[in-house]
């Protein structure tokens, strides 16, 4: 029986896992992590509710680690609530 070709998601997941082992095991500093992540994630809008949940989890972790300012983190909460309401319709 021929093998079923892998989906794009499978390849993407494999690439992420493979590249995840590259580099240092943890960031050198919060400013270094902040510079790497940028400030676009807080306030980002997911295409699905699952996407929005992932964004919210990632932002919550970044806010807890001090990656973004308190004001930037506080701005994410109403933006996320608004997007969740839009996706629920």
PDB file of N, CA and C in Angstrom:
ATOM      1  N   UNK A   1       0.855  -1.175   0.000  1.00  0.00           N
ATOM      2  CA  UNK A   1       0.000   0.000   0.000  1.00  0.00           C
ATOM      3  C   UNK A   1       0.898   1.233   0.000  1.00  0.00           C
ATOM      4  N   UNK A   2       0.682   2.185  -0.939  1.00  0.00           N
ATOM      5  CA  UNK A   2       1.535   3.374  -0.988  1.00  0.00           C
ATOM      6  C   UNK A   2       1.317   4.267   0.217  1.00  0.00           C
ATOM      7  N   UNK A   3       2.376   4.962   0.588  1.00  0.00           N
ATOM      8  CA  UNK A   3       2.285   5.886   1.729  1.00  0.00           C
ATOM      9  C   UNK A   3       1.503   7.123   1.342  1.00  0.00           C
ATOM     10  N   UNK A   4       0.757   7.612   2.278  1.00  0.00           N
ATOM     11  CA  UNK A   4       0.004   8.845   2.085  1.00  0.00           C
ATOM     12  C   UNK A   4       0.970  10.016   2.226  1.00  0.00           C
ATOM     13  N   UNK A   5       0.939  10.980   1.285  1.00  0.00           N
ATOM     14  CA  UNK A   5       1.857  12.127   1.419  1.00  0.00           C
ATOM     15  C   UNK A   5       1.558  12.926   2.678  1.00  0.00           C
ATOM     16  N   UNK A   6       2.585  13.484   3.256  1.00  0.00           N
ATOM     17  CA  UNK A   6       2.417  14.285   4.470  1.00  0.00           C
ATOM     18  C   UNK A   6       1.791  15.624   4.134  1.00  0.00           C
ATOM     19  N   UNK A   7       0.999  16.091   5.058  1.00  0.00           N
ATOM     20  CA  UNK A   7       0.371  17.394   4.851  1.00  0.00           C
ATOM     21  C   UNK A   7       1.382  18.502   5.126  1.00  0.00           C
ATOM     22  N   UNK A   8       1.024  19.719   4.717  1.00  0.00           N
ATOM     23  CA  UNK A   8       1.877  20.874   4.981  1.00  0.00           C
ATOM     24  C   UNK A   8       2.098  21.086   6.465  1.00  0.00           C
ATOM     25  N   UNK A   9       1.065  20.797   7.262  1.00  0.00           N
ATOM     26  CA  UNK A   9       1.200  20.957   8.720  1.00  0.00           C
ATOM     27  C   UNK A   9       2.224  20.003   9.289  1.00  0.00           C
ATOM     28  N   UNK A  10       2.244  18.765   8.764  1.00  0.00           N
ATOM     29  CA  UNK A  10       3.209  17.778   9.253  1.00  0.00           C
ATOM     30  C   UNK A  10       4.637  18.255   8.992  1.00  0.00           C
ATOM     31  N   UNK A  11       4.855  18.767   7.784  1.00  0.00           N
ATOM     32  CA  UNK A  11       6.192  19.263   7.451  1.00  0.00           C
ATOM     33  C   UNK A  11       6.552  20.462   8.301  1.00  0.00           C
ATOM     34  N   UNK A  12       5.590  21.354   8.518  1.00  0.00           N
ATOM     35  CA  UNK A  12       5.863  22.529   9.339  1.00  0.00           C
ATOM     36  C   UNK A  12       6.201  22.109  10.767  1.00  0.00           C
ATOM     37  N   UNK A  13       5.434  21.177  11.310  1.00  0.00           N
ATOM     38  CA  UNK A  13       5.683  20.713  12.678  1.00  0.00           C
ATOM     39  C   UNK A  13       7.049  20.043  12.783  1.00  0.00           C
ATOM     40  N   UNK A  14       7.397  19.242  11.788  1.00  0.00           N
ATOM     41  CA  UNK A  14       8.695  18.570  11.806  1.00  0.00           C
ATOM     42  C   UNK A  14       9.830  19.584  11.746  1.00  0.00           C
ATOM     43  N   UNK A  15       9.657  20.613  10.927  1.00  0.00           N
ATOM     44  CA  UNK A  15      10.679  21.648  10.802  1.00  0.00           C
ATOM     45  C   UNK A  15      10.859  22.396  12.120  1.00  0.00           C
ATOM     46  N   UNK A  16       9.739  22.749  12.759  1.00  0.00           N
ATOM     47  CA  UNK A  16       9.812  23.461  14.036  1.00  0.00           C
ATOM     48  C   UNK A  16      10.519  22.609  15.081  1.00  0.00           C
ATOM     49  N   UNK A  17      10.161  21.334  15.155  1.00  0.00           N
ATOM     50  CA  UNK A  17      10.798  20.451  16.137  1.00  0.00           C
ATOM     51  C   UNK A  17      12.283  20.276  15.844  1.00  0.00           C
ATOM     52  N   UNK A  18      12.626  20.163  14.573  1.00  0.00           N
ATOM     53  CA  UNK A  18      14.023  19.996  14.199  1.00  0.00           C
ATOM     54  C   UNK A  18      14.838  21.239  14.534  1.00  0.00           C
ATOM     55  N   UNK A  19      14.306  22.404  14.178  1.00  0.00           N
ATOM     56  CA  UNK A  19      15.032  23.640  14.428  1.00  0.00           C
ATOM     57  C   UNK A  19      14.986  24.060  15.892  1.00  0.00           C
ATOM     58  N   UNK A  20      14.059  23.508  16.637  1.00  0.00           N
ATOM     59  CA  UNK A  20      13.955  23.846  18.053  1.00  0.00           C
ATOM     60  C   UNK A  20      15.203  23.467  18.836  1.00  0.00           C
ATOM     61  N   UNK A  21      15.944  22.497  18.347  1.00  0.00           N
ATOM     62  CA  UNK A  21      17.155  22.076  19.026  1.00  0.00           C
ATOM     63  C   UNK A  21      18.359  22.955  18.715  1.00  0.00           C
ATOM     64  N   UNK A  22      18.217  23.850  17.767  1.00  0.00           N
ATOM     65  CA  UNK A  22      19.334  24.722  17.380  1.00  0.00           C
ATOM     66  C   UNK A  22      19.455  25.907  18.333  1.00  0.00           C
ATOM     67  N   UNK A  23      20.642  26.403  18.496  1.00  0.00           N
ATOM     68  CA  UNK A  23      20.853  27.611  19.291  1.00  0.00           C
ATOM     69  C   UNK A  23      21.012  27.315  20.761  1.00  0.00           C
ATOM     70  N   UNK A  24      20.852  28.368  21.552  1.00  0.00           N
ATOM     71  CA  UNK A  24      21.011  28.234  22.998  1.00  0.00           C
ATOM     72  C   UNK A  24      19.748  27.644  23.601  1.00  0.00           C
ATOM     73  N   UNK A  25      19.848  27.098  24.774  1.00  0.00           N
ATOM     74  CA  UNK A  25      18.709  26.434  25.386  1.00  0.00           C
ATOM     75  C   UNK A  25      17.739  27.407  26.054  1.00  0.00           C
ATOM     76  N   UNK A  26      18.194  28.596  26.356  1.00  0.00           N
ATOM     77  CA  UNK A  26      17.313  29.597  26.956  1.00  0.00           C
ATOM     78  C   UNK A  26      17.813  30.986  26.564  1.00  0.00           C
ATOM     79  N   UNK A  27      16.912  31.958  26.596  1.00  0.00           N
ATOM     80  CA  UNK A  27      17.354  33.299  26.202  1.00  0.00           C
ATOM     81  C   UNK A  27      18.381  33.851  27.182  1.00  0.00           C
ATOM     82  N   UNK A  28      19.276  34.647  26.656  1.00  0.00           N
ATOM     83  CA  UNK A  28      20.296  35.265  27.492  1.00  0.00           C
ATOM     84  C   UNK A  28      19.697  36.275  28.447  1.00  0.00           C
ATOM     85  N   UNK A  29      18.621  36.977  27.985  1.00  0.00           N
ATOM     86  CA  UNK A  29      18.019  38.011  28.815  1.00  0.00           C
ATOM     87  C   UNK A  29      16.615  38.306  28.317  1.00  0.00           C
ATOM     88  N   UNK A  30      15.812  38.940  29.179  1.00  0.00           N
ATOM     89  CA  UNK A  30      14.474  39.354  28.762  1.00  0.00           C
ATOM     90  C   UNK A  30      14.560  40.369  27.633  1.00  0.00           C
ATOM     91  N   UNK A  31      15.456  41.372  27.687  1.00  0.00           N
ATOM     92  CA  UNK A  31      15.562  42.281  26.543  1.00  0.00           C
ATOM     93  C   UNK A  31      15.923  41.552  25.244  1.00  0.00           C
ATOM     94  N   UNK A  32      16.753  40.536  25.353  1.00  0.00           N
ATOM     95  CA  UNK A  32      17.105  39.749  24.161  1.00  0.00           C
ATOM     96  C   UNK A  32      15.895  39.010  23.613  1.00  0.00           C
ATOM     97  N   UNK A  33      15.106  38.444  24.500  1.00  0.00           N
ATOM     98  CA  UNK A  33      13.888  37.746  24.086  1.00  0.00           C
ATOM     99  C   UNK A  33      12.895  38.741  23.504  1.00  0.00           C
ATOM    100  N   UNK A  34      12.777  39.890  24.122  1.00  0.00           N
ATOM    101  CA  UNK A  34      11.880  40.931  23.633  1.00  0.00           C
ATOM    102  C   UNK A  34      12.283  41.389  22.237  1.00  0.00           C
ATOM    103  N   UNK A  35      13.568  41.562  22.022  1.00  0.00           N
ATOM    104  CA  UNK A  35      14.047  41.975  20.705  1.00  0.00           C
ATOM    105  C   UNK A  35      13.773  40.898  19.664  1.00  0.00           C
ATOM    106  N   UNK A  36      13.842  39.642  20.073  1.00  0.00           N
ATOM    107  CA  UNK A  36      13.593  38.541  19.157  1.00  0.00           C
ATOM    108  C   UNK A  36      12.112  38.440  18.800  1.00  0.00           C
ATOM    109  N   UNK A  37      11.245  38.548  19.793  1.00  0.00           N
ATOM    110  CA  UNK A  37       9.813  38.394  19.573  1.00  0.00           C
ATOM    111  C   UNK A  37       9.161  39.632  18.983  1.00  0.00           C
ATOM    112  N   UNK A  38       9.718  40.799  19.255  1.00  0.00           N
ATOM    113  CA  UNK A  38       9.095  42.037  18.800  1.00  0.00           C
ATOM    114  C   UNK A  38       7.870  42.347  19.642  1.00  0.00           C
ATOM    115  N   UNK A  39       7.074  43.320  19.191  1.00  0.00           N
ATOM    116  CA  UNK A  39       5.900  43.686  19.987  1.00  0.00           C
ATOM    117  C   UNK A  39       4.599  43.522  19.212  1.00  0.00           C
ATOM    118  N   UNK A  40       4.612  42.732  18.143  1.00  0.00           N
ATOM    119  CA  UNK A  40       3.418  42.554  17.322  1.00  0.00           C
ATOM    120  C   UNK A  40       2.438  41.534  17.900  1.00  0.00           C
ATOM    121  N   UNK A  41       2.885  40.639  18.747  1.00  0.00           N
ATOM    122  CA  UNK A  41       2.001  39.576  19.224  1.00  0.00           C
ATOM    123  C   UNK A  41       0.883  40.075  20.136  1.00  0.00           C
ATOM    124  N   UNK A  42       1.150  40.917  21.125  1.00  0.00           N
ATOM    125  CA  UNK A  42       0.027  41.436  21.911  1.00  0.00           C
ATOM    126  C   UNK A  42      -0.914  42.228  21.012  1.00  0.00           C
ATOM    127  N   UNK A  43      -2.182  41.838  21.023  1.00  0.00           N
ATOM    128  CA  UNK A  43      -3.171  42.488  20.178  1.00  0.00           C
ATOM    129  C   UNK A  43      -3.400  41.771  18.858  1.00  0.00           C
ATOM    130  N   UNK A  44      -2.619  40.720  18.590  1.00  0.00           N
ATOM    131  CA  UNK A  44      -2.787  39.975  17.340  1.00  0.00           C
ATOM    132  C   UNK A  44      -4.142  39.281  17.317  1.00  0.00           C
ATOM    133  N   UNK A  45      -4.669  39.090  16.105  1.00  0.00           N
ATOM    134  CA  UNK A  45      -5.982  38.473  15.939  1.00  0.00           C
ATOM    135  C   UNK A  45      -5.835  37.128  15.254  1.00  0.00           C
ATOM    136  N   UNK A  46      -6.355  36.085  15.898  1.00  0.00           N
ATOM    137  CA  UNK A  46      -6.328  34.757  15.312  1.00  0.00           C
ATOM    138  C   UNK A  46      -7.411  34.586  14.260  1.00  0.00           C
ATOM    139  N   UNK A  47      -7.185  33.663  13.336  1.00  0.00           N
ATOM    140  CA  UNK A  47      -8.187  33.371  12.316  1.00  0.00           C
ATOM    141  C   UNK A  47      -9.300  32.472  12.849  1.00  0.00           C
ATOM    142  N   UNK A  48      -8.980  31.692  13.873  1.00  0.00           N
ATOM    143  CA  UNK A  48      -9.957  30.812  14.515  1.00  0.00           C
ATOM    144  C   UNK A  48      -9.859  31.009  16.021  1.00  0.00           C
ATOM    145  N   UNK A  49     -10.814  30.472  16.735  1.00  0.00           N
ATOM    146  CA  UNK A  49     -10.778  30.585  18.197  1.00  0.00           C
ATOM    147  C   UNK A  49      -9.553  29.846  18.753  1.00  0.00           C
ATOM    148  N   UNK A  50      -9.179  28.739  18.101  1.00  0.00           N
ATOM    149  CA  UNK A  50      -7.993  27.999  18.544  1.00  0.00           C
ATOM    150  C   UNK A  50      -6.739  28.838  18.366  1.00  0.00           C
ATOM    151  N   UNK A  51      -6.653  29.553  17.236  1.00  0.00           N
ATOM    152  CA  UNK A  51      -5.517  30.455  17.020  1.00  0.00           C
ATOM    153  C   UNK A  51      -5.471  31.525  18.106  1.00  0.00           C
ATOM    154  N   UNK A  52      -6.631  32.093  18.419  1.00  0.00           N
ATOM    155  CA  UNK A  52      -6.684  33.150  19.432  1.00  0.00           C
ATOM    156  C   UNK A  52      -6.259  32.617  20.794  1.00  0.00           C
ATOM    157  N   UNK A  53      -6.648  31.376  21.105  1.00  0.00           N
ATOM    158  CA  UNK A  53      -6.234  30.775  22.382  1.00  0.00           C
ATOM    159  C   UNK A  53      -4.719  30.638  22.442  1.00  0.00           C
ATOM    160  N   UNK A  54      -4.101  30.213  21.346  1.00  0.00           N
ATOM    161  CA  UNK A  54      -2.637  30.071  21.318  1.00  0.00           C
ATOM    162  C   UNK A  54      -1.954  31.427  21.475  1.00  0.00           C
ATOM    163  N   UNK A  55      -2.489  32.423  20.780  1.00  0.00           N
ATOM    164  CA  UNK A  55      -1.928  33.776  20.904  1.00  0.00           C
ATOM    165  C   UNK A  55      -2.028  34.244  22.346  1.00  0.00           C
ATOM    166  N   UNK A  56      -3.209  34.067  22.960  1.00  0.00           N
ATOM    167  CA  UNK A  56      -3.420  34.508  24.341  1.00  0.00           C
ATOM    168  C   UNK A  56      -2.478  33.810  25.308  1.00  0.00           C
ATOM    169  N   UNK A  57      -2.279  32.503  25.123  1.00  0.00           N
ATOM    170  CA  UNK A  57      -1.364  31.756  25.999  1.00  0.00           C
ATOM    171  C   UNK A  57       0.061  32.276  25.859  1.00  0.00           C
ATOM    172  N   UNK A  58       0.484  32.513  24.634  1.00  0.00           N
ATOM    173  CA  UNK A  58       1.841  32.998  24.395  1.00  0.00           C
ATOM    174  C   UNK A  58       2.035  34.397  24.964  1.00  0.00           C
ATOM    175  N   UNK A  59       1.044  35.249  24.767  1.00  0.00           N
ATOM    176  CA  UNK A  59       1.131  36.611  25.308  1.00  0.00           C
ATOM    177  C   UNK A  59       1.155  36.566  26.838  1.00  0.00           C
ATOM    178  N   UNK A  60       0.340  35.716  27.430  1.00  0.00           N
ATOM    179  CA  UNK A  60       0.320  35.611  28.898  1.00  0.00           C
ATOM    180  C   UNK A  60       1.690  35.209  29.435  1.00  0.00           C
ATOM    181  N   UNK A  61       2.338  34.276  28.772  1.00  0.00           N
ATOM    182  CA  UNK A  61       3.677  33.849  29.212  1.00  0.00           C
ATOM    183  C   UNK A  61       4.689  34.975  29.045  1.00  0.00           C
ATOM    184  N   UNK A  62       4.613  35.669  27.905  1.00  0.00           N
ATOM    185  CA  UNK A  62       5.534  36.787  27.665  1.00  0.00           C
ATOM    186  C   UNK A  62       5.323  37.914  28.661  1.00  0.00           C
ATOM    187  N   UNK A  63       4.058  38.177  28.988  1.00  0.00           N
ATOM    188  CA  UNK A  63       3.763  39.236  29.965  1.00  0.00           C
ATOM    189  C   UNK A  63       4.279  38.837  31.354  1.00  0.00           C
ATOM    190  N   UNK A  64       4.095  37.578  31.709  1.00  0.00           N
ATOM    191  CA  UNK A  64       4.572  37.101  33.012  1.00  0.00           C
ATOM    192  C   UNK A  64       6.092  37.184  33.108  1.00  0.00           C
ATOM    193  N   UNK A  65       6.773  36.985  31.984  1.00  0.00           N
ATOM    194  CA  UNK A  65       8.240  37.036  31.972  1.00  0.00           C
ATOM    195  C   UNK A  65       8.773  38.456  31.833  1.00  0.00           C
ATOM    196  N   UNK A  66       7.884  39.427  31.631  1.00  0.00           N
ATOM    197  CA  UNK A  66       8.319  40.806  31.494  1.00  0.00           C
ATOM    198  C   UNK A  66       8.833  41.160  30.113  1.00  0.00           C
ATOM    199  N   UNK A  67       8.421  40.380  29.097  1.00  0.00           N
ATOM    200  CA  UNK A  67       8.882  40.637  27.733  1.00  0.00           C
ATOM    201  C   UNK A  67       8.286  41.941  27.204  1.00  0.00           C
ATOM    202  N   UNK A  68       7.013  42.187  27.504  1.00  0.00           N
ATOM    203  CA  UNK A  68       6.340  43.407  27.058  1.00  0.00           C
ATOM    204  C   UNK A  68       5.976  44.254  28.269  1.00  0.00           C
ATOM    205  N   UNK A  69       5.711  45.521  28.039  1.00  0.00           N
ATOM    206  CA  UNK A  69       5.347  46.422  29.134  1.00  0.00           C
ATOM    207  C   UNK A  69       3.970  46.052  29.683  1.00  0.00           C
ATOM    208  N   UNK A  70       3.690  46.491  30.897  1.00  0.00           N
ATOM    209  CA  UNK A  70       2.376  46.227  31.494  1.00  0.00           C
ATOM    210  C   UNK A  70       1.266  46.837  30.649  1.00  0.00           C
ATOM    211  N   UNK A  71       1.524  48.037  30.123  1.00  0.00           N
ATOM    212  CA  UNK A  71       0.519  48.709  29.291  1.00  0.00           C
ATOM    213  C   UNK A  71       0.233  47.901  28.030  1.00  0.00           C
ATOM    214  N   UNK A  72       1.285  47.379  27.396  1.00  0.00           N
ATOM    215  CA  UNK A  72       1.109  46.570  26.173  1.00  0.00           C
ATOM    216  C   UNK A  72       0.344  45.295  26.502  1.00  0.00           C
ATOM    217  N   UNK A  73       0.640  44.695  27.624  1.00  0.00           N
ATOM    218  CA  UNK A  73      -0.076  43.478  28.045  1.00  0.00           C
ATOM    219  C   UNK A  73      -1.537  43.794  28.359  1.00  0.00           C
ATOM    220  N   UNK A  74      -1.774  44.931  29.018  1.00  0.00           N
ATOM    221  CA  UNK A  74      -3.141  45.323  29.359  1.00  0.00           C
ATOM    222  C   UNK A  74      -3.959  45.607  28.104  1.00  0.00           C
ATOM    223  N   UNK A  75      -3.329  46.111  27.056  1.00  0.00           N
ATOM    224  CA  UNK A  75      -4.025  46.375  25.795  1.00  0.00           C
ATOM    225  C   UNK A  75      -4.476  45.091  25.112  1.00  0.00           C
ATOM    226  N   UNK A  76      -3.764  44.001  25.358  1.00  0.00           N
ATOM    227  CA  UNK A  76      -4.088  42.739  24.692  1.00  0.00           C
ATOM    228  C   UNK A  76      -5.424  42.165  25.175  1.00  0.00           C
ATOM    229  N   UNK A  77      -5.734  42.315  26.443  1.00  0.00           N
ATOM    230  CA  UNK A  77      -6.940  41.693  26.999  1.00  0.00           C
ATOM    231  C   UNK A  77      -8.217  42.151  26.313  1.00  0.00           C
ATOM    232  N   UNK A  78      -8.488  43.466  26.182  1.00  0.00           N
ATOM    233  CA  UNK A  78      -9.714  43.856  25.479  1.00  0.00           C
ATOM    234  C   UNK A  78      -9.667  43.528  23.984  1.00  0.00           C
ATOM    235  N   UNK A  79      -8.494  43.598  23.376  1.00  0.00           N
ATOM    236  CA  UNK A  79      -8.376  43.252  21.956  1.00  0.00           C
ATOM    237  C   UNK A  79      -8.713  41.781  21.737  1.00  0.00           C
ATOM    238  N   UNK A  80      -8.252  40.933  22.645  1.00  0.00           N
ATOM    239  CA  UNK A  80      -8.542  39.508  22.553  1.00  0.00           C
ATOM    240  C   UNK A  80     -10.028  39.239  22.782  1.00  0.00           C
ATOM    241  N   UNK A  81     -10.616  39.901  23.772  1.00  0.00           N
ATOM    242  CA  UNK A  81     -12.047  39.717  24.055  1.00  0.00           C
ATOM    243  C   UNK A  81     -12.892  40.131  22.853  1.00  0.00           C
ATOM    244  N   UNK A  82     -12.507  41.218  22.206  1.00  0.00           N
ATOM    245  CA  UNK A  82     -13.233  41.684  21.022  1.00  0.00           C
ATOM    246  C   UNK A  82     -13.133  40.654  19.896  1.00  0.00           C
ATOM    247  N   UNK A  83     -11.922  40.138  19.670  1.00  0.00           N
ATOM    248  CA  UNK A  83     -11.733  39.153  18.603  1.00  0.00           C
ATOM    249  C   UNK A  83     -12.494  37.870  18.893  1.00  0.00           C
ATOM    250  N   UNK A  84     -12.486  37.431  20.150  1.00  0.00           N
ATOM    251  CA  UNK A  84     -13.212  36.218  20.520  1.00  0.00           C
ATOM    252  C   UNK A  84     -14.716  36.394  20.255  1.00  0.00           C
ATOM    253  N   UNK A  85     -15.237  37.572  20.550  1.00  0.00           N
ATOM    254  CA  UNK A  85     -16.654  37.853  20.292  1.00  0.00           C
ATOM    255  C   UNK A  85     -16.947  37.807  18.786  1.00  0.00           C
ATOM    256  N   UNK A  86     -16.030  38.346  17.979  1.00  0.00           N
ATOM    257  CA  UNK A  86     -16.203  38.315  16.533  1.00  0.00           C
ATOM    258  C   UNK A  86     -16.181  36.869  16.012  1.00  0.00           C
ATOM    259  N   UNK A  87     -15.283  36.056  16.542  1.00  0.00           N
ATOM    260  CA  UNK A  87     -15.169  34.675  16.082  1.00  0.00           C
ATOM    261  C   UNK A  87     -16.353  33.818  16.533  1.00  0.00           C
ATOM    262  N   UNK A  88     -16.987  34.184  17.631  1.00  0.00           N
ATOM    263  CA  UNK A  88     -18.110  33.412  18.161  1.00  0.00           C
ATOM    264  C   UNK A  88     -19.376  33.589  17.316  1.00  0.00           C
ATOM    265  N   UNK A  89     -19.418  34.633  16.514  1.00  0.00           N
ATOM    266  CA  UNK A  89     -20.612  34.893  15.705  1.00  0.00           C
ATOM    267  C   UNK A  89     -20.718  33.965  14.527  1.00  0.00           C
TER     268      UNK A  89
END
